[in-house]
Amino acid sequence: MDDTVTDAQLKQILAKGYKPESQARGNEVYYCRSEHETGSRFESKVCKTAARILLEEQQGKEATTNMERTVGNKAQK
């Protein structure tokens, strides 16, 4: 049981292919999935905490928003 995330956040994490695997100190759970290494056919197992997964998703959304603003501003000039 992971007390660090809401039900909605847990659904979001599971939808990305992560599965709860091991529990660290306290209530922090590690979620793992297999990912293909860039330029390779091999997969590697990647494990992260829920907080890390959600943080990376937020950072990705912010980067996309910033990129869209930059492209939009250049198009207007």
C-alpha atoms as a PDB file:
ATOM      1  CA  MET A   1       0.000   0.000   0.000  1.00  0.00           C
ATOM      2  CA  ASP A   2       1.417   3.361  -1.045  1.00  0.00           C
ATOM      3  CA  ASP A   3       0.207   6.195   1.176  1.00  0.00           C
ATOM      4  CA  THR A   4       2.171   8.816  -0.787  1.00  0.00           C
ATOM      5  CA  VAL A   5      -0.215   9.023  -3.775  1.00  0.00           C
ATOM      6  CA  THR A   6      -3.904   9.532  -4.388  1.00  0.00           C
ATOM      7  CA  ASP A   7      -6.028   6.975  -6.240  1.00  0.00           C
ATOM      8  CA  ALA A   8      -6.000   9.197  -9.343  1.00  0.00           C
ATOM      9  CA  GLN A   9      -2.200   9.484  -9.266  1.00  0.00           C
ATOM     10  CA  LEU A  10      -1.866   5.728  -8.791  1.00  0.00           C
ATOM     11  CA  LYS A  11      -4.073   5.099 -11.840  1.00  0.00           C
ATOM     12  CA  GLN A  12      -1.888   7.514 -13.810  1.00  0.00           C
ATOM     13  CA  ILE A  13       1.285   5.650 -12.789  1.00  0.00           C
ATOM     14  CA  LEU A  14      -0.175   2.238 -13.582  1.00  0.00           C
ATOM     15  CA  ALA A  15      -1.403   3.490 -16.981  1.00  0.00           C
ATOM     16  CA  LYS A  16       2.221   4.265 -17.867  1.00  0.00           C
ATOM     17  CA  GLY A  17       3.086   0.597 -17.439  1.00  0.00           C
ATOM     18  CA  TYR A  18       4.622   0.802 -13.977  1.00  0.00           C
ATOM     19  CA  LYS A  19       3.855  -1.922 -11.464  1.00  0.00           C
ATOM     20  CA  PRO A  20       4.376  -1.713  -7.714  1.00  0.00           C
ATOM     21  CA  GLU A  21       7.355  -3.876  -6.946  1.00  0.00           C
ATOM     22  CA  SER A  22       9.012  -3.261  -3.615  1.00  0.00           C
ATOM     23  CA  GLN A  23       8.468  -1.171  -0.564  1.00  0.00           C
ATOM     24  CA  ALA A  24      11.333   0.919   0.709  1.00  0.00           C
ATOM     25  CA  ARG A  25      11.673   2.563   4.079  1.00  0.00           C
ATOM     26  CA  GLY A  26       8.380   3.774   5.449  1.00  0.00           C
ATOM     27  CA  ASN A  27       5.469   3.719   3.033  1.00  0.00           C
ATOM     28  CA  GLU A  28       7.427   4.596  -0.110  1.00  0.00           C
ATOM     29  CA  VAL A  29       6.839   2.073  -2.886  1.00  0.00           C
ATOM     30  CA  TYR A  30       9.025   1.592  -5.958  1.00  0.00           C
ATOM     31  CA  TYR A  31       7.240   1.197  -9.292  1.00  0.00           C
ATOM     32  CA  CYS A  32       9.059  -0.627 -12.074  1.00  0.00           C
ATOM     33  CA  ARG A  33       8.671  -1.191 -15.805  1.00  0.00           C
ATOM     34  CA  SER A  34      10.813  -2.378 -18.689  1.00  0.00           C
ATOM     35  CA  GLU A  35      12.058   0.265 -21.115  1.00  0.00           C
ATOM     36  CA  HIS A  36      13.978  -0.073 -24.353  1.00  0.00           C
ATOM     37  CA  GLU A  37      17.413   1.484 -24.272  1.00  0.00           C
ATOM     38  CA  THR A  38      17.880   4.124 -26.952  1.00  0.00           C
ATOM     39  CA  GLY A  39      19.557   2.638 -30.019  1.00  0.00           C
ATOM     40  CA  SER A  40      19.199  -0.903 -28.759  1.00  0.00           C
ATOM     41  CA  ARG A  41      16.768  -3.793 -28.817  1.00  0.00           C
ATOM     42  CA  PHE A  42      17.557  -4.605 -25.222  1.00  0.00           C
ATOM     43  CA  GLU A  43      15.227  -3.689 -22.410  1.00  0.00           C
ATOM     44  CA  SER A  44      16.225  -2.560 -18.981  1.00  0.00           C
ATOM     45  CA  LYS A  45      14.222  -2.511 -15.800  1.00  0.00           C
ATOM     46  CA  VAL A  46      13.594   0.997 -14.490  1.00  0.00           C
ATOM     47  CA  CYS A  47      12.308   1.559 -10.955  1.00  0.00           C
ATOM     48  CA  LYS A  48      11.216   4.874  -9.466  1.00  0.00           C
ATOM     49  CA  THR A  49       9.172   6.195  -6.592  1.00  0.00           C
ATOM     50  CA  ALA A  50       5.721   7.596  -7.298  1.00  0.00           C
ATOM     51  CA  ALA A  51       6.968  11.084  -6.453  1.00  0.00           C
ATOM     52  CA  ARG A  52       9.760  10.790  -9.049  1.00  0.00           C
ATOM     53  CA  ILE A  53       7.392   9.530 -11.765  1.00  0.00           C
ATOM     54  CA  LEU A  54       4.925  12.355 -11.140  1.00  0.00           C
ATOM     55  CA  LEU A  55       7.716  14.966 -10.992  1.00  0.00           C
ATOM     56  CA  GLU A  56       9.172  13.816 -14.322  1.00  0.00           C
ATOM     57  CA  GLU A  57       5.721  13.919 -15.902  1.00  0.00           C
ATOM     58  CA  GLN A  58       5.174  17.478 -14.654  1.00  0.00           C
ATOM     59  CA  GLN A  59       8.587  18.560 -15.934  1.00  0.00           C
ATOM     60  CA  GLY A  60       7.786  17.021 -19.323  1.00  0.00           C
ATOM     61  CA  LYS A  61       4.517  18.937 -19.529  1.00  0.00           C
ATOM     62  CA  GLU A  62       6.285  22.185 -18.608  1.00  0.00           C
ATOM     63  CA  ALA A  63       8.981  21.594 -21.228  1.00  0.00           C
ATOM     64  CA  THR A  64       6.324  20.966 -23.878  1.00  0.00           C
ATOM     65  CA  THR A  65       4.448  24.132 -22.900  1.00  0.00           C
ATOM     66  CA  ASN A  66       7.651  26.191 -23.015  1.00  0.00           C
ATOM     67  CA  MET A  67       8.566  24.747 -26.415  1.00  0.00           C
ATOM     68  CA  GLU A  68       5.108  25.521 -27.805  1.00  0.00           C
ATOM     69  CA  ARG A  69       5.370  29.111 -26.546  1.00  0.00           C
ATOM     70  CA  THR A  70       8.797  29.518 -28.117  1.00  0.00           C
ATOM     71  CA  VAL A  71       7.638  28.138 -31.474  1.00  0.00           C
ATOM     72  CA  GLY A  72       4.468  30.244 -31.308  1.00  0.00           C
ATOM     73  CA  ASN A  73       6.430  33.430 -30.594  1.00  0.00           C
ATOM     74  CA  LYS A  74       8.819  32.772 -33.489  1.00  0.00           C
ATOM     75  CA  ALA A  75       5.899  32.135 -35.851  1.00  0.00           C
ATOM     76  CA  GLN A  76       4.345  35.513 -34.979  1.00  0.00           C
ATOM     77  CA  LYS A  77       7.518  37.451 -35.820  1.00  0.00           C
END
